[in-house]
Amino acid sequence: MPGEKIPPRAGASFGVGSLPHRDLDDAVDFAWRASSIPTIPSLPRRSPAEAMVAQALVGIQGVSAGQYAGISVDIAALDPDAPVETDLGADAFGAFSAFLSSVAARGVGATPLVKWQFIGPVTLGVALGRAGLAPDVAHRLALNAVRARICSLRAHVAAAFPVATQIVVLDEPSLGTALEHGSGLRGEDVVDLVSGALAAVPAPHMAGLHCCSRLDWGAMLATGATLLSVPVPTSSDPEAMSEMLLAAARISDHLDQGGRIAWGAVRTDGPVPSTPERPWKQLMESMCQLVRAGVDPRMLRRCSVVTPACGLAAHSEPLAERVMSHVRAVGDRVAQQATASRLTLGS
């Protein structure tokens, strides 16, 4: 029905965004077949303009990407509240544009779900602050730019996928560090910034939040994101596991209210395993720990989807293939578990 939210099924898979490809056609083909939910990619190795921060700067009055991932600011031209234009013909949106252009040729405009992501206002604001802007100006500018970009890109995606539920995920790798020190932000400021950007994703679309650095479950849950995209905590990182379990009651509330967790089951910050067995067992360990902490096992299985832990731009194309193969395999097992009566470790 028009306007009805189509949530991802248990064990569905999607990518985190960046891919290692330099060829647009190869990247688009990979994005269509790599996961059960197609993910619009970015290709920072094809062009530095597609890097997360550089892409966000396009169209911001008085700010531009400099050399070596730097940011140039023209204070005289800067206006934090000026409209931010999105030109899909810009090099920064090469992969985004190519993916949307492929829809008509493939005849897949009726795809029920499509996922894409964009830098969040906290991470963009931190980058602008490092370029010399005062924290209040940097984060005001960042929120305005992110909201404008989300609205524009959402409209472009809707034109290509008129019936699809869009899963729009804010990428916030600086969320944890911003909560700790140096950003000029209080905890409630961080939550307000993210919430303000997520508000640009109206129903029936799904607003998500991705963080692959140090997690603050409380802050992430407080933003109101429908989907939380996080690396799977493992027993080798007891602090991460402990922080997740401390939030178990709030995670239960999140799932009860229709929320989803996208588990970054396949790590991307080290050697990629040759089989999906270890990622599967680590995910089951974390889920079982949540069940022991009081989270309903059936709800947890039903509301879990699977992704890589982070983007794949730092890997080779063959390794990206392997990562996504493991992601699909783990997702298939989660889907099978969702029909089972018990959640068992290592099954």
C-alpha atoms as a PDB file:
ATOM      1  CA  MET A   1       0.000   0.000   0.000  1.00  0.00           C
ATOM      2  CA  PRO A   2       1.239   3.555  -0.698  1.00  0.00           C
ATOM      3  CA  GLY A   3       2.851   5.077   2.392  1.00  0.00           C
ATOM      4  CA  GLU A   4       3.235   1.728   4.120  1.00  0.00           C
ATOM      5  CA  LYS A   5       6.643   1.008   5.636  1.00  0.00           C
ATOM      6  CA  ILE A   6       8.277  -2.154   4.321  1.00  0.00           C
ATOM      7  CA  PRO A   7      10.784  -3.219   6.988  1.00  0.00           C
ATOM      8  CA  PRO A   8      13.768  -5.389   6.092  1.00  0.00           C
ATOM      9  CA  ARG A   9      13.141  -9.064   6.755  1.00  0.00           C
ATOM     10  CA  ALA A  10      15.108 -11.015   9.361  1.00  0.00           C
ATOM     11  CA  GLY A  11      18.592 -11.720   8.069  1.00  0.00           C
ATOM     12  CA  ALA A  12      18.393  -9.260   5.192  1.00  0.00           C
ATOM     13  CA  SER A  13      21.760  -7.871   4.127  1.00  0.00           C
ATOM     14  CA  PHE A  14      23.070  -4.583   2.807  1.00  0.00           C
ATOM     15  CA  GLY A  15      26.403  -2.823   2.385  1.00  0.00           C
ATOM     16  CA  VAL A  16      27.813  -0.013   4.464  1.00  0.00           C
ATOM     17  CA  GLY A  17      28.594   2.239   1.508  1.00  0.00           C
ATOM     18  CA  SER A  18      32.131   2.623   0.238  1.00  0.00           C
ATOM     19  CA  LEU A  19      33.535   0.134  -2.263  1.00  0.00           C
ATOM     20  CA  PRO A  20      37.079  -0.321  -3.627  1.00  0.00           C
ATOM     21  CA  HIS A  21      36.059  -0.213  -7.295  1.00  0.00           C
ATOM     22  CA  ARG A  22      37.431   2.376  -9.697  1.00  0.00           C
ATOM     23  CA  ASP A  23      35.128   1.474 -12.575  1.00  0.00           C
ATOM     24  CA  LEU A  24      31.570   2.760 -12.245  1.00  0.00           C
ATOM     25  CA  ASP A  25      29.932  -0.076 -14.176  1.00  0.00           C
ATOM     26  CA  ASP A  26      31.728  -2.735 -12.126  1.00  0.00           C
ATOM     27  CA  ALA A  27      30.761  -1.002  -8.880  1.00  0.00           C
ATOM     28  CA  VAL A  28      27.112  -0.683  -9.860  1.00  0.00           C
ATOM     29  CA  ASP A  29      26.969  -4.344 -10.878  1.00  0.00           C
ATOM     30  CA  PHE A  30      28.534  -5.364  -7.564  1.00  0.00           C
ATOM     31  CA  ALA A  31      26.108  -3.177  -5.596  1.00  0.00           C
ATOM     32  CA  TRP A  32      23.113  -4.841  -7.228  1.00  0.00           C
ATOM     33  CA  ARG A  33      24.198  -8.412  -6.550  1.00  0.00           C
ATOM     34  CA  ALA A  34      26.219  -8.145  -3.331  1.00  0.00           C
ATOM     35  CA  SER A  35      23.321  -8.058  -0.845  1.00  0.00           C
ATOM     36  CA  SER A  36      19.610  -8.739  -0.583  1.00  0.00           C
ATOM     37  CA  ILE A  37      18.894  -5.007  -0.230  1.00  0.00           C
ATOM     38  CA  PRO A  38      20.698  -2.989  -2.928  1.00  0.00           C
ATOM     39  CA  THR A  39      23.044  -0.377  -1.495  1.00  0.00           C
ATOM     40  CA  ILE A  40      23.947   2.793  -3.384  1.00  0.00           C
ATOM     41  CA  PRO A  41      27.760   2.916  -3.206  1.00  0.00           C
ATOM     42  CA  SER A  42      30.448   5.550  -2.958  1.00  0.00           C
ATOM     43  CA  LEU A  43      33.822   5.085  -4.643  1.00  0.00           C
ATOM     44  CA  PRO A  44      36.523   7.142  -2.909  1.00  0.00           C
ATOM     45  CA  ARG A  45      39.277   5.251  -4.762  1.00  0.00           C
ATOM     46  CA  ARG A  46      37.737   6.224  -8.089  1.00  0.00           C
ATOM     47  CA  SER A  47      37.750   9.864  -7.045  1.00  0.00           C
ATOM     48  CA  PRO A  48      38.757  11.621  -3.803  1.00  0.00           C
ATOM     49  CA  ALA A  49      35.628  13.734  -4.299  1.00  0.00           C
ATOM     50  CA  GLU A  50      33.580  10.682  -3.275  1.00  0.00           C
ATOM     51  CA  ALA A  51      35.252  10.504   0.134  1.00  0.00           C
ATOM     52  CA  MET A  52      32.752  11.041   2.910  1.00  0.00           C
ATOM     53  CA  VAL A  53      33.712  14.582   3.988  1.00  0.00           C
ATOM     54  CA  ALA A  54      34.613  15.835   0.501  1.00  0.00           C
ATOM     55  CA  GLN A  55      31.260  14.655  -0.846  1.00  0.00           C
ATOM     56  CA  ALA A  56      29.444  16.569   1.882  1.00  0.00           C
ATOM     57  CA  LEU A  57      31.224  19.837   1.074  1.00  0.00           C
ATOM     58  CA  VAL A  58      29.894  20.089  -2.482  1.00  0.00           C
ATOM     59  CA  GLY A  59      27.517  23.034  -2.735  1.00  0.00           C
ATOM     60  CA  ILE A  60      28.272  24.519   0.708  1.00  0.00           C
ATOM     61  CA  GLN A  61      28.809  28.243   0.305  1.00  0.00           C
ATOM     62  CA  GLY A  62      32.288  29.340   1.456  1.00  0.00           C
ATOM     63  CA  VAL A  63      33.637  25.815   2.038  1.00  0.00           C
ATOM     64  CA  SER A  64      35.442  23.478  -0.356  1.00  0.00           C
ATOM     65  CA  ALA A  65      37.606  20.370  -0.302  1.00  0.00           C
ATOM     66  CA  GLY A  66      41.307  21.158  -0.355  1.00  0.00           C
ATOM     67  CA  GLN A  67      44.306  19.014  -1.169  1.00  0.00           C
ATOM     68  CA  TYR A  68      45.156  15.874   0.819  1.00  0.00           C
ATOM     69  CA  ALA A  69      41.665  15.613   2.361  1.00  0.00           C
ATOM     70  CA  GLY A  70      41.887  19.155   3.733  1.00  0.00           C
ATOM     71  CA  ILE A  71      39.071  21.696   3.944  1.00  0.00           C
ATOM     72  CA  SER A  72      39.336  25.259   2.658  1.00  0.00           C
ATOM     73  CA  VAL A  73      37.138  27.919   4.254  1.00  0.00           C
ATOM     74  CA  ASP A  74      36.420  31.381   2.864  1.00  0.00           C
ATOM     75  CA  ILE A  75      35.142  33.199   5.935  1.00  0.00           C
ATOM     76  CA  ALA A  76      33.898  36.156   3.888  1.00  0.00           C
ATOM     77  CA  ALA A  77      31.648  33.885   1.802  1.00  0.00           C
ATOM     78  CA  LEU A  78      30.570  31.589   4.629  1.00  0.00           C
ATOM     79  CA  ASP A  79      26.869  31.505   5.505  1.00  0.00           C
ATOM     80  CA  PRO A  80      25.873  28.592   7.779  1.00  0.00           C
ATOM     81  CA  ASP A  81      22.197  29.012   6.868  1.00  0.00           C
ATOM     82  CA  ALA A  82      22.546  29.372   3.094  1.00  0.00           C
ATOM     83  CA  PRO A  83      20.807  26.789   0.878  1.00  0.00           C
ATOM     84  CA  VAL A  84      22.957  23.808  -0.086  1.00  0.00           C
ATOM     85  CA  GLU A  85      22.530  22.656  -3.664  1.00  0.00           C
ATOM     86  CA  THR A  86      23.060  19.051  -4.767  1.00  0.00           C
ATOM     87  CA  ASP A  87      24.380  18.513  -8.282  1.00  0.00           C
ATOM     88  CA  LEU A  88      24.259  14.807  -9.138  1.00  0.00           C
ATOM     89  CA  GLY A  89      26.459  15.613 -12.123  1.00  0.00           C
ATOM     90  CA  ALA A  90      29.320  16.523  -9.779  1.00  0.00           C
ATOM     91  CA  ASP A  91      32.198  14.050  -9.533  1.00  0.00           C
ATOM     92  CA  ALA A  92      31.402  13.598  -5.841  1.00  0.00           C
ATOM     93  CA  PHE A  93      28.172  11.827  -6.780  1.00  0.00           C
ATOM     94  CA  GLY A  94      29.540   9.747  -9.651  1.00  0.00           C
ATOM     95  CA  ALA A  95      28.608   6.369  -8.170  1.00  0.00           C
ATOM     96  CA  PHE A  96      25.310   7.620  -6.747  1.00  0.00           C
ATOM     97  CA  SER A  97      24.282   8.968 -10.142  1.00  0.00           C
ATOM     98  CA  ALA A  98      25.482   5.878 -12.017  1.00  0.00           C
ATOM     99  CA  PHE A  99      23.504   3.607  -9.706  1.00  0.00           C
ATOM    100  CA  LEU A 100      20.294   5.573 -10.205  1.00  0.00           C
ATOM    101  CA  SER A 101      20.879   5.654 -13.965  1.00  0.00           C
ATOM    102  CA  SER A 102      21.130   1.865 -13.973  1.00  0.00           C
ATOM    103  CA  VAL A 103      17.601   1.401 -12.649  1.00  0.00           C
ATOM    104  CA  ALA A 104      15.801   1.940 -15.956  1.00  0.00           C
ATOM    105  CA  ALA A 105      18.171  -0.318 -17.896  1.00  0.00           C
ATOM    106  CA  ARG A 106      17.771  -3.126 -15.364  1.00  0.00           C
ATOM    107  CA  GLY A 107      14.027  -2.729 -14.984  1.00  0.00           C
ATOM    108  CA  VAL A 108      14.269  -2.773 -11.194  1.00  0.00           C
ATOM    109  CA  GLY A 109      12.364   0.389 -10.318  1.00  0.00           C
ATOM    110  CA  ALA A 110       9.893  -1.686  -8.278  1.00  0.00           C
ATOM    111  CA  THR A 111      12.591  -2.772  -5.815  1.00  0.00           C
ATOM    112  CA  PRO A 112      10.829  -2.677  -2.401  1.00  0.00           C
ATOM    113  CA  LEU A 113      13.873  -1.543  -0.391  1.00  0.00           C
ATOM    114  CA  VAL A 114      16.985   0.449  -1.228  1.00  0.00           C
ATOM    115  CA  LYS A 115      19.679   1.618   1.169  1.00  0.00           C
ATOM    116  CA  TRP A 116      22.038   4.579   1.028  1.00  0.00           C
ATOM    117  CA  GLN A 117      24.019   6.594   3.515  1.00  0.00           C
ATOM    118  CA  PHE A 118      25.531  10.016   4.033  1.00  0.00           C
ATOM    119  CA  ILE A 119      27.841  11.602   6.550  1.00  0.00           C
ATOM    120  CA  GLY A 120      26.177  12.675   9.791  1.00  0.00           C
ATOM    121  CA  PRO A 121      26.224  16.219  11.205  1.00  0.00           C
ATOM    122  CA  VAL A 122      28.436  15.357  14.177  1.00  0.00           C
ATOM    123  CA  THR A 123      31.228  13.916  12.033  1.00  0.00           C
ATOM    124  CA  LEU A 124      30.928  16.699   9.452  1.00  0.00           C
ATOM    125  CA  GLY A 125      30.868  19.316  12.209  1.00  0.00           C
ATOM    126  CA  VAL A 126      33.989  17.840  13.809  1.00  0.00           C
ATOM    127  CA  ALA A 127      35.761  18.008  10.411  1.00  0.00           C
ATOM    128  CA  LEU A 128      34.695  21.636   9.930  1.00  0.00           C
ATOM    129  CA  GLY A 129      35.868  22.449  13.445  1.00  0.00           C
ATOM    130  CA  ARG A 130      39.287  21.025  12.647  1.00  0.00           C
ATOM    131  CA  ALA A 131      39.362  23.354   9.626  1.00  0.00           C
ATOM    132  CA  GLY A 132      39.129  26.312  12.001  1.00  0.00           C
ATOM    133  CA  LEU A 133      35.418  27.053  12.388  1.00  0.00           C
ATOM    134  CA  ALA A 134      34.058  27.759  15.848  1.00  0.00           C
ATOM    135  CA  PRO A 135      32.173  24.702  17.178  1.00  0.00           C
ATOM    136  CA  ASP A 136      28.757  26.388  17.163  1.00  0.00           C
ATOM    137  CA  VAL A 137      29.208  27.585  13.572  1.00  0.00           C
ATOM    138  CA  ALA A 138      30.670  24.276  12.428  1.00  0.00           C
ATOM    139  CA  HIS A 139      27.812  22.180  13.769  1.00  0.00           C
ATOM    140  CA  ARG A 140      25.086  24.597  12.661  1.00  0.00           C
ATOM    141  CA  LEU A 141      26.526  24.535   9.169  1.00  0.00           C
ATOM    142  CA  ALA A 142      26.881  20.759   9.272  1.00  0.00           C
ATOM    143  CA  LEU A 143      23.280  20.166  10.318  1.00  0.00           C
ATOM    144  CA  ASN A 144      21.948  22.517   7.644  1.00  0.00           C
ATOM    145  CA  ALA A 145      24.094  20.860   4.966  1.00  0.00           C
ATOM    146  CA  VAL A 146      23.237  17.287   5.958  1.00  0.00           C
ATOM    147  CA  ARG A 147      19.506  17.943   6.157  1.00  0.00           C
ATOM    148  CA  ALA A 148      19.500  19.670   2.780  1.00  0.00           C
ATOM    149  CA  ARG A 149      21.514  16.883   1.194  1.00  0.00           C
ATOM    150  CA  ILE A 150      19.296  14.150   2.596  1.00  0.00           C
ATOM    151  CA  CYS A 151      16.169  15.867   1.292  1.00  0.00           C
ATOM    152  CA  SER A 152      17.674  16.308  -2.162  1.00  0.00           C
ATOM    153  CA  LEU A 153      19.127  12.817  -2.491  1.00  0.00           C
ATOM    154  CA  ARG A 154      15.945  11.285  -1.113  1.00  0.00           C
ATOM    155  CA  ALA A 155      13.972  12.980  -3.884  1.00  0.00           C
ATOM    156  CA  HIS A 156      16.387  11.693  -6.551  1.00  0.00           C
ATOM    157  CA  VAL A 157      16.148   8.151  -5.176  1.00  0.00           C
ATOM    158  CA  ALA A 158      12.350   8.371  -5.032  1.00  0.00           C
ATOM    159  CA  ALA A 159      12.267   9.351  -8.715  1.00  0.00           C
ATOM    160  CA  ALA A 160      14.212   6.190  -9.600  1.00  0.00           C
ATOM    161  CA  PHE A 161      12.477   3.928  -7.040  1.00  0.00           C
ATOM    162  CA  PRO A 162       8.945   5.336  -6.745  1.00  0.00           C
ATOM    163  CA  VAL A 163       7.589   2.492  -4.593  1.00  0.00           C
ATOM    164  CA  ALA A 164      10.678   1.685  -2.521  1.00  0.00           C
ATOM    165  CA  THR A 165      11.155   2.208   1.189  1.00  0.00           C
ATOM    166  CA  GLN A 166      14.480   4.011   1.486  1.00  0.00           C
ATOM    167  CA  ILE A 167      16.816   3.032   4.316  1.00  0.00           C
ATOM    168  CA  VAL A 168      18.752   6.264   4.862  1.00  0.00           C
ATOM    169  CA  VAL A 169      21.677   5.864   7.250  1.00  0.00           C
ATOM    170  CA  LEU A 170      23.751   8.634   8.797  1.00  0.00           C
ATOM    171  CA  ASP A 171      27.423   7.654   9.026  1.00  0.00           C
ATOM    172  CA  GLU A 172      28.828   8.947  12.317  1.00  0.00           C
ATOM    173  CA  PRO A 173      32.323   7.544  12.973  1.00  0.00           C
ATOM    174  CA  SER A 174      33.089  10.583  15.177  1.00  0.00           C
ATOM    175  CA  LEU A 175      30.095  10.085  17.453  1.00  0.00           C
ATOM    176  CA  GLY A 176      32.039   8.414  20.254  1.00  0.00           C
ATOM    177  CA  THR A 177      34.943  10.878  20.244  1.00  0.00           C
ATOM    178  CA  ALA A 178      32.558  13.855  20.123  1.00  0.00           C
ATOM    179  CA  LEU A 179      30.943  12.590  23.310  1.00  0.00           C
ATOM    180  CA  GLU A 180      34.312  12.297  25.005  1.00  0.00           C
ATOM    181  CA  HIS A 181      36.180  15.535  24.409  1.00  0.00           C
ATOM    182  CA  GLY A 182      37.303  18.266  22.081  1.00  0.00           C
ATOM    183  CA  SER A 183      34.188  18.836  19.972  1.00  0.00           C
ATOM    184  CA  GLY A 184      32.632  21.622  22.004  1.00  0.00           C
ATOM    185  CA  LEU A 185      29.465  19.550  22.318  1.00  0.00           C
ATOM    186  CA  ARG A 186      27.548  18.246  25.294  1.00  0.00           C
ATOM    187  CA  GLY A 187      25.927  14.819  25.137  1.00  0.00           C
ATOM    188  CA  GLU A 188      22.500  16.321  24.542  1.00  0.00           C
ATOM    189  CA  ASP A 189      23.918  18.468  21.730  1.00  0.00           C
ATOM    190  CA  VAL A 190      25.211  15.364  19.959  1.00  0.00           C
ATOM    191  CA  VAL A 191      21.840  13.649  20.260  1.00  0.00           C
ATOM    192  CA  ASP A 192      20.006  16.765  19.068  1.00  0.00           C
ATOM    193  CA  LEU A 193      22.239  17.110  16.007  1.00  0.00           C
ATOM    194  CA  VAL A 194      21.718  13.523  14.929  1.00  0.00           C
ATOM    195  CA  SER A 195      17.999  13.635  15.690  1.00  0.00           C
ATOM    196  CA  GLY A 196      17.664  16.848  13.701  1.00  0.00           C
ATOM    197  CA  ALA A 197      19.278  15.246  10.665  1.00  0.00           C
ATOM    198  CA  LEU A 198      17.255  12.032  10.998  1.00  0.00           C
ATOM    199  CA  ALA A 199      14.090  14.132  10.964  1.00  0.00           C
ATOM    200  CA  ALA A 200      14.783  14.763   7.261  1.00  0.00           C
ATOM    201  CA  VAL A 201      13.861  11.103   6.639  1.00  0.00           C
ATOM    202  CA  PRO A 202      10.054  10.975   6.884  1.00  0.00           C
ATOM    203  CA  ALA A 203       7.876   7.888   7.046  1.00  0.00           C
ATOM    204  CA  PRO A 204       7.477   5.504   5.339  1.00  0.00           C
ATOM    205  CA  HIS A 205      11.262   5.599   4.903  1.00  0.00           C
ATOM    206  CA  MET A 206      13.606   4.233   7.574  1.00  0.00           C
ATOM    207  CA  ALA A 207      16.118   6.497   9.312  1.00  0.00           C
ATOM    208  CA  GLY A 208      19.300   4.780  10.452  1.00  0.00           C
ATOM    209  CA  LEU A 209      22.520   5.561  12.292  1.00  0.00           C
ATOM    210  CA  HIS A 210      25.865   3.850  11.646  1.00  0.00           C
ATOM    211  CA  CYS A 211      28.867   4.015  13.945  1.00  0.00           C
ATOM    212  CA  CYS A 212      31.850   1.719  13.505  1.00  0.00           C
ATOM    213  CA  SER A 213      34.113   3.346  16.103  1.00  0.00           C
ATOM    214  CA  ARG A 214      33.638   3.376  19.878  1.00  0.00           C
ATOM    215  CA  LEU A 215      29.930   2.959  20.529  1.00  0.00           C
ATOM    216  CA  ASP A 216      27.727   4.782  22.984  1.00  0.00           C
ATOM    217  CA  TRP A 217      24.555   2.708  22.931  1.00  0.00           C
ATOM    218  CA  GLY A 218      22.692   5.169  25.126  1.00  0.00           C
ATOM    219  CA  ALA A 219      23.371   8.101  22.815  1.00  0.00           C
ATOM    220  CA  MET A 220      22.582   6.099  19.682  1.00  0.00           C
ATOM    221  CA  LEU A 221      19.283   4.869  21.099  1.00  0.00           C
ATOM    222  CA  ALA A 222      18.388   8.382  22.281  1.00  0.00           C
ATOM    223  CA  THR A 223      18.592   9.778  18.734  1.00  0.00           C
ATOM    224  CA  GLY A 224      15.391   7.997  17.721  1.00  0.00           C
ATOM    225  CA  ALA A 225      17.018   6.180  14.795  1.00  0.00           C
ATOM    226  CA  THR A 226      14.837   3.304  13.629  1.00  0.00           C
ATOM    227  CA  LEU A 227      17.865   1.278  12.550  1.00  0.00           C
ATOM    228  CA  LEU A 228      21.153   1.072  14.447  1.00  0.00           C
ATOM    229  CA  SER A 229      24.127  -0.132  12.390  1.00  0.00           C
ATOM    230  CA  VAL A 230      26.935  -1.344  14.666  1.00  0.00           C
ATOM    231  CA  PRO A 231      29.868  -3.772  14.660  1.00  0.00           C
ATOM    232  CA  VAL A 232      29.208  -7.014  16.519  1.00  0.00           C
ATOM    233  CA  PRO A 233      30.844  -6.809  19.973  1.00  0.00           C
ATOM    234  CA  THR A 234      32.934  -9.870  20.746  1.00  0.00           C
ATOM    235  CA  SER A 235      34.346 -11.551  23.819  1.00  0.00           C
ATOM    236  CA  SER A 236      37.799 -10.303  22.785  1.00  0.00           C
ATOM    237  CA  ASP A 237      36.525  -6.787  23.539  1.00  0.00           C
ATOM    238  CA  PRO A 238      34.865  -7.161  26.959  1.00  0.00           C
ATOM    239  CA  GLU A 239      34.306  -3.408  27.302  1.00  0.00           C
ATOM    240  CA  ALA A 240      32.242  -3.263  24.106  1.00  0.00           C
ATOM    241  CA  MET A 241      30.281  -6.342  25.167  1.00  0.00           C
ATOM    242  CA  SER A 242      29.658  -4.861  28.627  1.00  0.00           C
ATOM    243  CA  GLU A 243      28.415  -1.552  27.202  1.00  0.00           C
ATOM    244  CA  MET A 244      25.960  -3.369  24.949  1.00  0.00           C
ATOM    245  CA  LEU A 245      24.615  -5.454  27.820  1.00  0.00           C
ATOM    246  CA  LEU A 246      24.180  -2.391  30.028  1.00  0.00           C
ATOM    247  CA  ALA A 247      21.828  -1.080  27.343  1.00  0.00           C
ATOM    248  CA  ALA A 248      19.870  -4.352  27.045  1.00  0.00           C
ATOM    249  CA  ALA A 249      16.623  -2.951  28.462  1.00  0.00           C
ATOM    250  CA  ARG A 250      16.698  -0.008  26.064  1.00  0.00           C
ATOM    251  CA  ILE A 251      17.565  -2.313  23.173  1.00  0.00           C
ATOM    252  CA  SER A 252      14.452  -4.326  24.053  1.00  0.00           C
ATOM    253  CA  ASP A 253      12.370  -1.140  23.939  1.00  0.00           C
ATOM    254  CA  HIS A 254      13.943  -0.219  20.601  1.00  0.00           C
ATOM    255  CA  LEU A 255      12.970  -3.580  19.092  1.00  0.00           C
ATOM    256  CA  ASP A 256       9.487  -3.517  20.637  1.00  0.00           C
ATOM    257  CA  GLN A 257       8.876  -0.164  18.960  1.00  0.00           C
ATOM    258  CA  GLY A 258       9.712  -1.524  15.512  1.00  0.00           C
ATOM    259  CA  GLY A 259      13.424  -0.753  15.523  1.00  0.00           C
ATOM    260  CA  ARG A 260      16.058  -2.809  13.771  1.00  0.00           C
ATOM    261  CA  ILE A 261      19.718  -3.614  14.439  1.00  0.00           C
ATOM    262  CA  ALA A 262      22.075  -4.009  11.502  1.00  0.00           C
ATOM    263  CA  TRP A 263      24.874  -6.157  12.869  1.00  0.00           C
ATOM    264  CA  GLY A 264      28.305  -5.538  11.343  1.00  0.00           C
ATOM    265  CA  ALA A 265      29.078  -9.229  11.513  1.00  0.00           C
ATOM    266  CA  VAL A 266      32.074  -9.359   9.154  1.00  0.00           C
ATOM    267  CA  ARG A 267      34.943  -7.244  10.407  1.00  0.00           C
ATOM    268  CA  THR A 268      36.639  -4.950   7.905  1.00  0.00           C
ATOM    269  CA  ASP A 269      39.506  -3.678  10.070  1.00  0.00           C
ATOM    270  CA  GLY A 270      41.758  -6.731   9.719  1.00  0.00           C
ATOM    271  CA  PRO A 271      42.197  -9.994   7.846  1.00  0.00           C
ATOM    272  CA  VAL A 272      38.997 -11.249   6.254  1.00  0.00           C
ATOM    273  CA  PRO A 273      38.172 -14.831   7.349  1.00  0.00           C
ATOM    274  CA  SER A 274      38.084 -17.510   4.688  1.00  0.00           C
ATOM    275  CA  THR A 275      34.649 -18.790   5.768  1.00  0.00           C
ATOM    276  CA  PRO A 276      31.613 -17.213   7.480  1.00  0.00           C
ATOM    277  CA  GLU A 277      31.883 -19.513  10.514  1.00  0.00           C
ATOM    278  CA  ARG A 278      33.689 -17.142  12.844  1.00  0.00           C
ATOM    279  CA  PRO A 279      31.473 -14.110  12.044  1.00  0.00           C
ATOM    280  CA  TRP A 280      28.421 -16.306  12.567  1.00  0.00           C
ATOM    281  CA  LYS A 281      29.596 -17.603  15.933  1.00  0.00           C
ATOM    282  CA  GLN A 282      30.536 -14.101  17.113  1.00  0.00           C
ATOM    283  CA  LEU A 283      27.109 -12.783  16.168  1.00  0.00           C
ATOM    284  CA  MET A 284      25.415 -15.680  17.945  1.00  0.00           C
ATOM    285  CA  GLU A 285      27.534 -15.065  21.036  1.00  0.00           C
ATOM    286  CA  SER A 286      26.435 -11.424  21.192  1.00  0.00           C
ATOM    287  CA  MET A 287      22.789 -12.253  20.551  1.00  0.00           C
ATOM    288  CA  CYS A 288      22.818 -14.959  23.213  1.00  0.00           C
ATOM    289  CA  GLN A 289      24.332 -12.530  25.690  1.00  0.00           C
ATOM    290  CA  LEU A 290      21.491 -10.087  24.976  1.00  0.00           C
ATOM    291  CA  VAL A 291      18.946 -12.878  25.452  1.00  0.00           C
ATOM    292  CA  ARG A 292      20.506 -13.713  28.827  1.00  0.00           C
ATOM    293  CA  ALA A 293      20.223 -10.004  29.693  1.00  0.00           C
ATOM    294  CA  GLY A 294      16.485 -10.111  29.086  1.00  0.00           C
ATOM    295  CA  VAL A 295      16.004  -9.354  25.367  1.00  0.00           C
ATOM    296  CA  ASP A 296      13.275 -11.486  23.794  1.00  0.00           C
ATOM    297  CA  PRO A 297      15.013 -14.002  21.484  1.00  0.00           C
ATOM    298  CA  ARG A 298      12.280 -14.131  18.864  1.00  0.00           C
ATOM    299  CA  MET A 299      12.085 -10.344  18.646  1.00  0.00           C
ATOM    300  CA  LEU A 300      15.875 -10.097  18.445  1.00  0.00           C
ATOM    301  CA  ARG A 301      16.100 -12.572  15.577  1.00  0.00           C
ATOM    302  CA  ARG A 302      13.191 -11.022  13.722  1.00  0.00           C
ATOM    303  CA  CYS A 303      14.642  -7.509  13.930  1.00  0.00           C
ATOM    304  CA  SER A 304      18.262  -8.294  13.023  1.00  0.00           C
ATOM    305  CA  VAL A 305      19.874  -7.676   9.636  1.00  0.00           C
ATOM    306  CA  VAL A 306      23.491  -8.257   8.627  1.00  0.00           C
ATOM    307  CA  THR A 307      26.174  -6.008   7.121  1.00  0.00           C
ATOM    308  CA  PRO A 308      29.946  -5.626   7.002  1.00  0.00           C
ATOM    309  CA  ALA A 309      31.287  -3.806  10.051  1.00  0.00           C
ATOM    310  CA  CYS A 310      32.259  -0.808   7.935  1.00  0.00           C
ATOM    311  CA  GLY A 311      32.898   0.259   4.354  1.00  0.00           C
ATOM    312  CA  LEU A 312      35.048  -1.762   1.972  1.00  0.00           C
ATOM    313  CA  ALA A 313      37.068   0.944   0.210  1.00  0.00           C
ATOM    314  CA  ALA A 314      40.289  -0.116   1.957  1.00  0.00           C
ATOM    315  CA  HIS A 315      40.056  -3.686   0.613  1.00  0.00           C
ATOM    316  CA  SER A 316      40.643  -5.150  -2.820  1.00  0.00           C
ATOM    317  CA  GLU A 317      37.729  -6.038  -5.078  1.00  0.00           C
ATOM    318  CA  PRO A 318      38.181  -9.805  -4.520  1.00  0.00           C
ATOM    319  CA  LEU A 319      38.171  -9.269  -0.741  1.00  0.00           C
ATOM    320  CA  ALA A 320      35.054  -7.126  -1.031  1.00  0.00           C
ATOM    321  CA  GLU A 321      33.426 -10.061  -2.835  1.00  0.00           C
ATOM    322  CA  ARG A 322      34.423 -12.382   0.000  1.00  0.00           C
ATOM    323  CA  VAL A 323      33.173 -10.038   2.706  1.00  0.00           C
ATOM    324  CA  MET A 324      29.771  -9.682   1.096  1.00  0.00           C
ATOM    325  CA  SER A 325      29.570 -13.425   0.465  1.00  0.00           C
ATOM    326  CA  HIS A 326      30.079 -13.953   4.210  1.00  0.00           C
ATOM    327  CA  VAL A 327      27.512 -11.250   4.992  1.00  0.00           C
ATOM    328  CA  ARG A 328      24.907 -13.015   2.866  1.00  0.00           C
ATOM    329  CA  ALA A 329      25.747 -16.393   4.411  1.00  0.00           C
ATOM    330  CA  VAL A 330      25.419 -15.068   7.965  1.00  0.00           C
ATOM    331  CA  GLY A 331      22.195 -13.305   7.011  1.00  0.00           C
ATOM    332  CA  ASP A 332      20.763 -16.528   5.632  1.00  0.00           C
ATOM    333  CA  ARG A 333      21.487 -18.248   8.946  1.00  0.00           C
ATOM    334  CA  VAL A 334      19.817 -15.440  10.896  1.00  0.00           C
ATOM    335  CA  ALA A 335      16.765 -15.861   8.664  1.00  0.00           C
ATOM    336  CA  GLN A 336      16.749 -19.595   9.387  1.00  0.00           C
ATOM    337  CA  GLN A 337      17.093 -18.929  13.124  1.00  0.00           C
ATOM    338  CA  ALA A 338      14.151 -16.532  12.936  1.00  0.00           C
ATOM    339  CA  THR A 339      11.922 -19.507  12.181  1.00  0.00           C
ATOM    340  CA  ALA A 340      13.373 -21.655  14.955  1.00  0.00           C
ATOM    341  CA  SER A 341      11.943 -21.930  18.444  1.00  0.00           C
ATOM    342  CA  ARG A 342      15.211 -21.425  20.313  1.00  0.00           C
ATOM    343  CA  LEU A 343      18.339 -19.338  20.023  1.00  0.00           C
ATOM    344  CA  THR A 344      21.378 -21.551  20.568  1.00  0.00           C
ATOM    345  CA  LEU A 345      25.006 -20.572  20.564  1.00  0.00           C
ATOM    346  CA  GLY A 346      27.012 -21.994  17.684  1.00  0.00           C
ATOM    347  CA  SER A 347      24.145 -23.833  16.054  1.00  0.00           C
END
